[in-house]
Protein backbone atom coordinates (compact mmCIF):
# COMPACT_ATOMS: atom_id res chain seq x y z
CA ASN A 1 -3.50 -3.11 26.80
CA HIS A 2 -2.63 -6.79 26.14
CA PRO A 3 -3.09 -8.85 29.33
CA ASP A 4 0.69 -9.37 29.65
CA HIS A 5 1.18 -5.60 29.88
CA GLY A 6 -0.49 -5.39 33.24
CA ASN A 7 -2.45 -2.21 33.05
CA HIS A 8 -4.73 -3.03 36.00
CA PRO A 9 -3.28 -1.98 39.31
CA LYS A 10 -3.47 -5.44 40.68
CA HIS A 11 -2.33 -7.06 37.38
CA GLU A 12 -5.51 -9.05 37.28
CA THR A 13 -5.77 -10.95 34.00
CA ILE A 14 -9.60 -10.61 33.87
CA MET A 15 -9.50 -6.86 33.96
CA ASN A 16 -6.70 -6.63 31.47
CA LEU A 17 -8.69 -8.81 29.09
CA VAL A 18 -11.64 -6.43 29.56
CA TYR A 19 -9.45 -3.51 28.61
CA PHE A 20 -7.90 -5.42 25.70
CA TYR A 21 -11.32 -6.41 24.19
CA TRP A 22 -12.72 -2.95 24.94
CA LEU A 23 -10.23 -1.45 22.49
CA GLU A 24 -10.87 -4.26 20.01
CA VAL A 25 -14.61 -3.46 20.09
CA VAL A 26 -14.23 0.34 19.69
CA ALA A 27 -11.82 -0.33 16.75
CA LEU A 28 -14.55 -2.54 15.11
CA ILE A 29 -17.06 0.23 15.81
CA ALA A 30 -14.86 2.78 14.01
CA ALA A 31 -14.42 0.42 11.10
CA LEU A 32 -18.17 -0.16 10.97
CA ILE A 33 -18.85 3.50 10.77
CA SER A 34 -16.30 3.83 7.91
CA VAL A 35 -17.99 0.94 6.07
CA ILE A 36 -21.44 2.51 6.55
CA THR A 37 -19.93 5.72 5.10
CA LEU A 38 -18.66 3.75 2.15
CA ILE A 39 -22.04 2.22 1.49
CA THR A 40 -24.07 5.43 1.78
CA THR A 41 -21.67 7.62 -0.25
CA ARG A 42 -20.50 5.18 -2.96
CA ALA A 43 -23.03 6.51 -5.49
CA SER A 44 -22.40 10.18 -4.65
CA PRO A 45 -21.42 12.20 -7.81
CA ALA A 46 -18.69 13.85 -5.74
CA PHE A 47 -16.89 10.53 -5.49
CA THR A 48 -17.93 8.88 -8.79
CA SER A 49 -17.59 11.54 -11.42
CA SER A 50 -13.79 11.46 -11.64
CA ALA A 51 -10.85 9.25 -10.85
CA GLY A 52 -9.62 11.70 -8.23
CA GLY A 53 -13.00 11.61 -6.52
CA LYS A 54 -12.91 7.83 -6.44
CA ILE A 55 -9.40 7.75 -4.86
CA GLY A 56 -10.31 10.58 -2.52
CA HIS A 57 -13.21 8.49 -1.35
CA LYS A 58 -10.90 5.72 -0.18
CA PHE A 59 -8.63 8.16 1.61
CA LEU A 60 -11.77 9.63 3.32
CA LEU A 61 -12.73 6.21 4.70
CA VAL A 62 -9.26 5.71 6.13
CA LEU A 63 -9.31 9.08 7.70
CA ILE A 64 -12.71 8.46 9.31
CA ALA A 65 -11.66 5.07 10.78
CA ALA A 66 -8.37 6.46 12.12
CA VAL A 67 -9.83 9.56 13.63
CA LEU A 68 -12.79 7.83 15.27
CA GLU A 69 -10.54 5.07 16.76
CA HIS A 70 -8.31 7.72 18.40
CA LEU A 71 -11.31 9.62 19.81
CA PHE A 72 -12.80 6.46 21.15
CA MET A 73 -9.55 5.57 22.86
CA LEU A 74 -9.28 9.08 24.44
CA TYR A 75 -12.82 9.60 25.54
CA ILE A 76 -14.84 6.42 25.98
CA SER A 77 -12.18 3.97 27.23
CA PRO A 78 -11.87 2.78 30.83
CA LYS A 79 -9.81 5.18 33.02
CA PRO A 80 -6.65 3.01 33.28
CA VAL A 81 -6.64 2.74 29.45
CA LYS A 82 -7.11 6.45 28.97
CA GLU A 83 -4.26 7.14 31.38
CA ARG A 84 -1.93 4.87 29.44
CA VAL A 85 -2.89 6.39 26.18
CA GLY A 86 -2.52 9.86 27.64
CA LYS A 87 1.08 9.09 28.57
CA GLN A 88 1.79 8.14 25.02
CA LEU A 89 0.42 11.33 23.51
CA VAL A 90 3.79 12.94 24.11
CA ILE A 91 5.02 11.41 20.84
CA PHE A 92 2.66 13.79 18.93
CA LYS A 93 4.59 16.77 20.19
CA ASP A 94 7.69 15.64 18.31
CA LYS A 95 7.73 16.43 14.60
CA HIS A 96 9.92 13.37 13.92
CA THR A 97 6.95 11.17 14.80
CA TYR A 98 5.13 12.59 11.77
CA ILE A 99 8.20 12.42 9.53
CA MET A 100 8.95 8.78 10.40
CA THR A 101 5.26 7.90 9.98
CA TYR A 102 5.31 9.51 6.52
CA LEU A 103 8.42 7.40 5.76
CA TYR A 104 7.06 4.23 7.14
CA ILE A 105 3.88 4.57 5.02
CA MET A 106 6.29 4.44 2.07
CA CYS A 107 7.90 1.30 3.38
CA PHE A 108 5.33 -0.88 5.07
CA GLY A 109 2.25 0.69 3.36
CA SER A 110 3.81 0.15 -0.07
CA PHE A 111 4.85 -3.35 0.77
CA ILE A 112 1.50 -4.62 1.87
CA GLY A 113 -0.28 -2.58 -0.85
CA TYR A 114 1.92 -4.10 -3.53
CA SER A 115 1.24 -7.50 -2.05
CA GLY A 116 -2.49 -7.01 -2.56
CA SER A 117 -2.11 -5.40 -6.02
CA PHE A 118 0.53 -7.65 -7.61
CA PRO A 119 -1.68 -10.71 -8.41
CA LYS A 120 -4.52 -8.46 -9.71
CA LEU A 121 -2.10 -6.57 -11.96
CA ILE A 122 -0.81 -9.77 -13.44
CA THR A 123 -4.31 -10.85 -14.28
CA ASP A 124 -5.35 -7.46 -15.67
CA LEU A 125 -2.30 -6.75 -17.74
CA PHE A 126 -1.51 -10.24 -19.04
CA GLY A 127 -4.63 -12.17 -18.62
CA TYR A 128 -6.67 -10.68 -21.39
CA ILE A 129 -6.00 -9.54 -24.95
CA THR A 130 -8.08 -7.54 -27.50
CA VAL A 131 -8.60 -9.26 -30.89
CA LYS A 132 -10.54 -8.47 -34.03
CA GLY A 133 -13.37 -10.64 -35.16
CA CYS A 134 -16.83 -11.06 -36.36
CA THR A 135 -20.01 -11.13 -34.27
CA ASN A 136 -22.83 -13.05 -35.93
CA GLU A 137 -26.10 -14.08 -34.23
CA GLY A 138 -24.61 -13.06 -30.79
CA GLU A 139 -21.48 -15.12 -31.12
CA PHE A 140 -18.06 -13.60 -31.51
CA LEU A 141 -15.57 -15.46 -33.73
CA GLN A 142 -11.92 -14.38 -33.69
CA GLY A 143 -10.12 -13.72 -36.95
CA GLY A 144 -11.35 -13.50 -40.54
CA ASP A 145 -11.73 -10.21 -42.38
CA GLN A 146 -14.24 -7.44 -42.34
CA GLU A 147 -15.51 -7.96 -45.85
CA THR A 148 -16.37 -11.59 -45.35
CA CYS A 149 -17.89 -10.88 -41.99
CA GLU A 150 -20.25 -8.21 -43.24
CA ALA A 151 -21.17 -10.26 -46.31
CA ASP A 152 -22.34 -13.02 -44.04
CA GLY A 153 -24.50 -10.49 -42.16
CA GLY A 154 -22.14 -10.16 -39.22
CA VAL A 155 -20.70 -7.17 -37.49
CA TRP A 156 -16.95 -6.57 -37.62
CA GLY A 157 -15.27 -5.36 -34.46
CA GLN A 158 -13.05 -6.32 -31.61
CA ALA A 159 -13.50 -7.94 -28.20
CA GLU A 160 -11.49 -8.81 -25.11
CA ILE A 161 -10.75 -12.47 -24.59
CA THR A 162 -8.70 -14.58 -22.29
CA ASN A 163 -5.06 -14.66 -23.23
CA PRO A 164 -4.15 -18.32 -23.90
CA ASN A 165 -0.48 -17.54 -23.25
CA ALA A 166 -1.04 -15.62 -19.93
CA PRO A 167 1.32 -16.38 -17.02
CA ASN A 168 -0.18 -18.45 -14.26
CA VAL A 169 -0.92 -15.98 -11.41
CA PHE A 170 -0.68 -18.66 -8.76
CA LYS A 171 2.94 -19.49 -9.71
CA PHE A 172 4.08 -15.94 -9.11
CA ALA A 173 1.67 -14.13 -6.75
CA TRP A 174 3.59 -15.34 -3.60
CA MET A 175 7.00 -14.15 -4.77
CA GLY A 176 6.71 -10.49 -3.91
CA ALA A 177 5.52 -10.93 -0.32
CA ALA A 178 8.20 -13.61 0.18
CA VAL A 179 11.01 -11.44 -1.13
CA GLY A 180 9.94 -8.47 1.01
CA SER A 181 9.53 -10.48 4.14
CA LEU A 182 12.82 -12.26 3.79
CA ILE A 183 14.80 -9.14 3.06
CA ARG A 184 13.44 -7.12 5.96
CA PRO A 185 15.84 -8.47 8.69
CA ILE A 186 18.76 -7.95 6.23
CA GLY A 187 17.72 -4.32 5.85
CA GLY A 188 17.80 -4.04 9.66
CA MET A 189 21.24 -5.62 9.88
CA LEU A 190 22.64 -3.31 7.18
CA SER A 191 21.16 -0.41 9.09
CA ASP A 192 22.87 -1.43 12.34
CA LYS A 193 26.17 -1.28 10.47
CA TYR A 194 25.73 1.68 8.16
CA GLY A 195 22.82 3.67 9.70
CA GLY A 196 19.12 3.31 9.05
CA ALA A 197 18.68 6.63 7.26
CA ARG A 198 21.54 5.93 4.83
CA VAL A 199 20.11 2.47 3.94
CA THR A 200 16.67 4.04 3.54
CA MET A 201 18.10 6.74 1.30
CA ILE A 202 19.73 4.26 -1.06
CA MET A 203 16.50 2.13 -1.09
CA ILE A 204 14.39 5.21 -1.84
CA ILE A 205 16.40 6.02 -4.95
CA TRP A 206 16.23 2.35 -6.06
CA CYS A 207 12.53 2.05 -5.32
CA THR A 208 11.70 5.29 -7.15
CA ALA A 209 13.55 4.15 -10.26
CA ALA A 210 11.79 0.74 -10.17
CA ALA A 211 8.45 2.40 -9.89
CA ILE A 212 9.02 4.71 -12.79
CA GLY A 213 10.42 1.82 -14.84
CA GLN A 214 7.36 -0.22 -14.05
CA ALA A 215 5.06 2.62 -14.99
CA ILE A 216 6.74 2.95 -18.38
CA LEU A 217 6.55 -0.78 -18.94
CA VAL A 218 2.87 -1.02 -17.93
CA SER A 219 1.92 1.78 -20.32
CA LYS A 220 3.73 0.01 -23.15
CA THR A 221 2.29 -3.37 -22.30
CA ARG A 222 -1.40 -2.34 -22.27
CA GLY A 223 -3.08 -3.23 -25.53
CA LEU A 224 -0.28 -5.38 -26.88
CA PRO A 225 -1.51 -8.45 -28.88
CA ASN A 226 1.11 -10.51 -26.96
CA PRO A 227 1.61 -8.74 -23.60
CA GLU A 228 3.14 -11.90 -22.06
CA LYS A 229 6.44 -11.04 -23.77
CA ASN A 230 6.95 -8.24 -21.24
CA PHE A 231 6.09 -10.40 -18.22
CA GLY A 232 9.69 -11.26 -17.31
CA LEU A 233 10.64 -7.61 -16.99
CA PHE A 234 7.34 -6.83 -15.20
CA LEU A 235 8.18 -9.50 -12.66
CA PHE A 236 11.77 -8.29 -12.27
CA LEU A 237 10.69 -4.63 -11.61
CA PHE A 238 8.03 -5.68 -9.21
CA LEU A 239 10.42 -7.92 -7.20
CA ASN A 240 12.68 -4.85 -6.99
CA LEU A 241 9.78 -2.87 -5.48
CA PHE A 242 9.28 -5.63 -2.90
CA PHE A 243 13.03 -5.91 -2.22
CA THR A 244 13.41 -2.19 -1.61
CA THR A 245 10.24 -1.62 0.42
CA GLY A 246 11.08 -4.78 2.47
CA SER A 247 14.53 -3.50 3.12
CA MET A 248 13.20 -0.20 4.22
CA ASN A 249 10.88 -1.85 6.67
CA GLY A 250 13.96 -2.88 8.55
CA SER A 251 15.91 0.32 8.11
CA THR A 252 13.11 2.67 9.27
CA PHE A 253 12.41 0.49 12.32
CA ARG A 254 16.07 0.86 13.22
CA THR A 255 15.91 4.59 12.70
CA ILE A 256 12.88 4.92 15.01
CA GLY A 257 14.58 2.84 17.66
CA VAL A 258 17.57 5.13 17.71
CA LEU A 259 15.84 8.46 16.96
CA PHE A 260 13.45 8.33 19.99
CA PRO A 261 13.89 7.77 23.70
CA ALA A 262 13.21 4.17 24.86
CA ASP A 263 9.83 5.02 26.39
CA GLN A 264 8.69 6.68 23.08
CA ALA A 265 10.16 4.40 20.46
CA GLY A 266 7.52 1.69 21.12
CA PRO A 267 4.54 3.97 20.77
CA VAL A 268 6.03 5.62 17.67
CA LEU A 269 6.54 2.17 16.09
CA GLY A 270 2.99 1.18 16.99
CA TRP A 271 1.47 4.42 15.72
CA SER A 272 3.45 4.46 12.39
CA SER A 273 2.76 0.71 11.80
CA ALA A 274 -0.95 1.17 12.35
CA ILE A 275 -1.22 4.15 9.97
CA ALA A 276 0.96 2.48 7.34
CA SER A 277 -1.19 -0.68 7.48
CA TYR A 278 -3.98 1.20 5.69
CA GLY A 279 -1.74 0.88 2.63
CA ALA A 280 -3.24 -2.63 2.25
CA PHE A 281 -6.52 -0.94 1.41
CA VAL A 282 -5.57 2.35 -0.23
CA ILE A 283 -2.91 1.13 -2.79
CA PRO A 284 -5.00 -1.69 -4.26
CA ALA A 285 -7.93 0.71 -4.43
CA MET A 286 -5.73 3.23 -6.30
CA PHE A 287 -4.69 0.54 -8.76
CA GLY A 288 -8.33 -0.52 -9.08
CA VAL A 289 -9.48 3.00 -9.99
CA ALA A 290 -6.55 3.47 -12.36
CA ILE A 291 -7.25 0.15 -14.13
CA ALA A 292 -10.89 1.03 -14.51
CA GLU A 293 -9.76 4.29 -16.11
CA ASP A 294 -7.36 2.21 -18.34
CA ALA A 295 -4.30 3.92 -16.93
CA PRO A 296 -2.74 1.76 -14.15
CA GLU A 297 0.66 3.36 -14.76
CA VAL A 298 -0.72 6.63 -13.23
CA THR A 299 -0.71 4.97 -9.83
CA LEU A 300 2.94 3.98 -10.18
CA TYR A 301 3.96 7.49 -11.25
CA ALA A 302 1.99 8.96 -8.28
CA LEU A 303 3.78 6.52 -5.95
CA ALA A 304 7.11 7.40 -7.46
CA GLY A 305 6.39 11.10 -6.80
CA TYR A 306 5.53 10.27 -3.14
CA TYR A 307 8.84 8.40 -2.79
CA VAL A 308 10.67 11.53 -4.00
CA THR A 309 9.08 13.55 -1.25
CA CYS A 310 10.07 10.83 1.24
CA GLY A 311 13.63 10.89 -0.10
CA PHE A 312 13.76 14.69 0.42
CA LEU A 313 12.56 14.52 4.05
CA ASN A 314 14.95 11.56 4.85
CA PHE A 315 17.89 13.37 3.31
CA TRP A 316 17.13 16.76 4.88
CA TYR A 317 16.59 15.64 8.43
CA TYR A 318 18.76 12.52 8.73
CA VAL A 319 21.43 12.24 5.97
CA ARG A 320 22.75 15.52 4.64
CA PRO A 321 25.86 17.13 6.16
CA GLY A 322 24.75 19.26 9.14
CA CYS A 323 21.38 17.53 9.32
CA GLU A 324 19.19 17.88 12.42
CA ARG A 325 19.53 14.21 13.61
CA PRO A 326 22.63 12.57 12.04
CA GLY A 327 23.60 8.97 12.68
CA VAL A 328 20.13 7.54 12.90
C-alpha cells in the first residue's frame, strides 16, 4: 500500500497515502495494545514465578501484536486495501509458506536478535567480576583476609565489582552486525550457483555448532576471576553466528524466490520478514531472562535446538534425495 504501488483505481497519490498511513496507524494500535498488556501483566505470578513464564510472556506479546495487526488489516481497512490483502491470503494455503517462515526466523530473527544481545552479553560476561573482601562501616574493601577483617569489626564476604580489564564494548559491538550484513549478498550469490537450500543446510550445521560452542564457553566463563581471557574465543564464536545467520538471510531469500510463483514470492518474503523481525525483541528478552537467572548459556542451547529442527525441515523438504521440492 505504498503510494508507488497504485492501489487506488485512479492511482491518486493522496488516496494511496491515506491507505499507507491507515495501515501504519493500525499497526501502532496493535503495538499499543501489546504494550498495555505488557504493563498490566508484568507483575502477574503466572509470568514472574519462573524463567519459562517470563519468556512465555514475551512470546505472548509478540503473538498479540501480530494477530491484532492481521485482524485490523482484514476487517477495518479501506475496501481497496482489504481486496489487496485478500488476494495475498492465498500464500497461507501453501505449507511451504510456514516452513520458510520458520526457517527465516532462524536466519533474520537470529541475526537481529544477536545484534541486540551481543553488546549486552559482552558487558554482563566480561564487565564485572566477583571478588572477596571486607565490608566495614558500609564500605567494601577488596582483598585482605577473613581473620583480619573480622578482628577489625568488619564482615568478610564477596561483592561484584567492575572488571578493570574488561573489553571495551564500543570497540566490538558493531562487528557482528557488520559481518552479517556484508555476508548476506555473498550467501545469495552462492545460492544462485549451488542452490539456496544446500547453502542453508551447510550454514545451519555451522551455526548450530557455533551456538553449542558458545554455550559451553559462556558457562565456563561465568564466575571466572579473569573472564577476559576467554573474550577472544567468545568474539570468534559470535562472529561465526553472525556470519552464518547473515549468509542464510541471502540463501533463504533465494529459496523463497524460486519456491513460489512470482505473484506469491513477494508476499511470502514480506510475511516471513515481518514475523522474523520480532527476533529483535524476543531473543534479547530471552538472554535477559537467562542472565537474570544466572544461566545465559541456556538461551544458546535452546537456540541450537531450534536450529536442529530447522535443519530437519530444510533437509526433508528441500535437500534429501527424493525431496518434495528439489533444486530450490
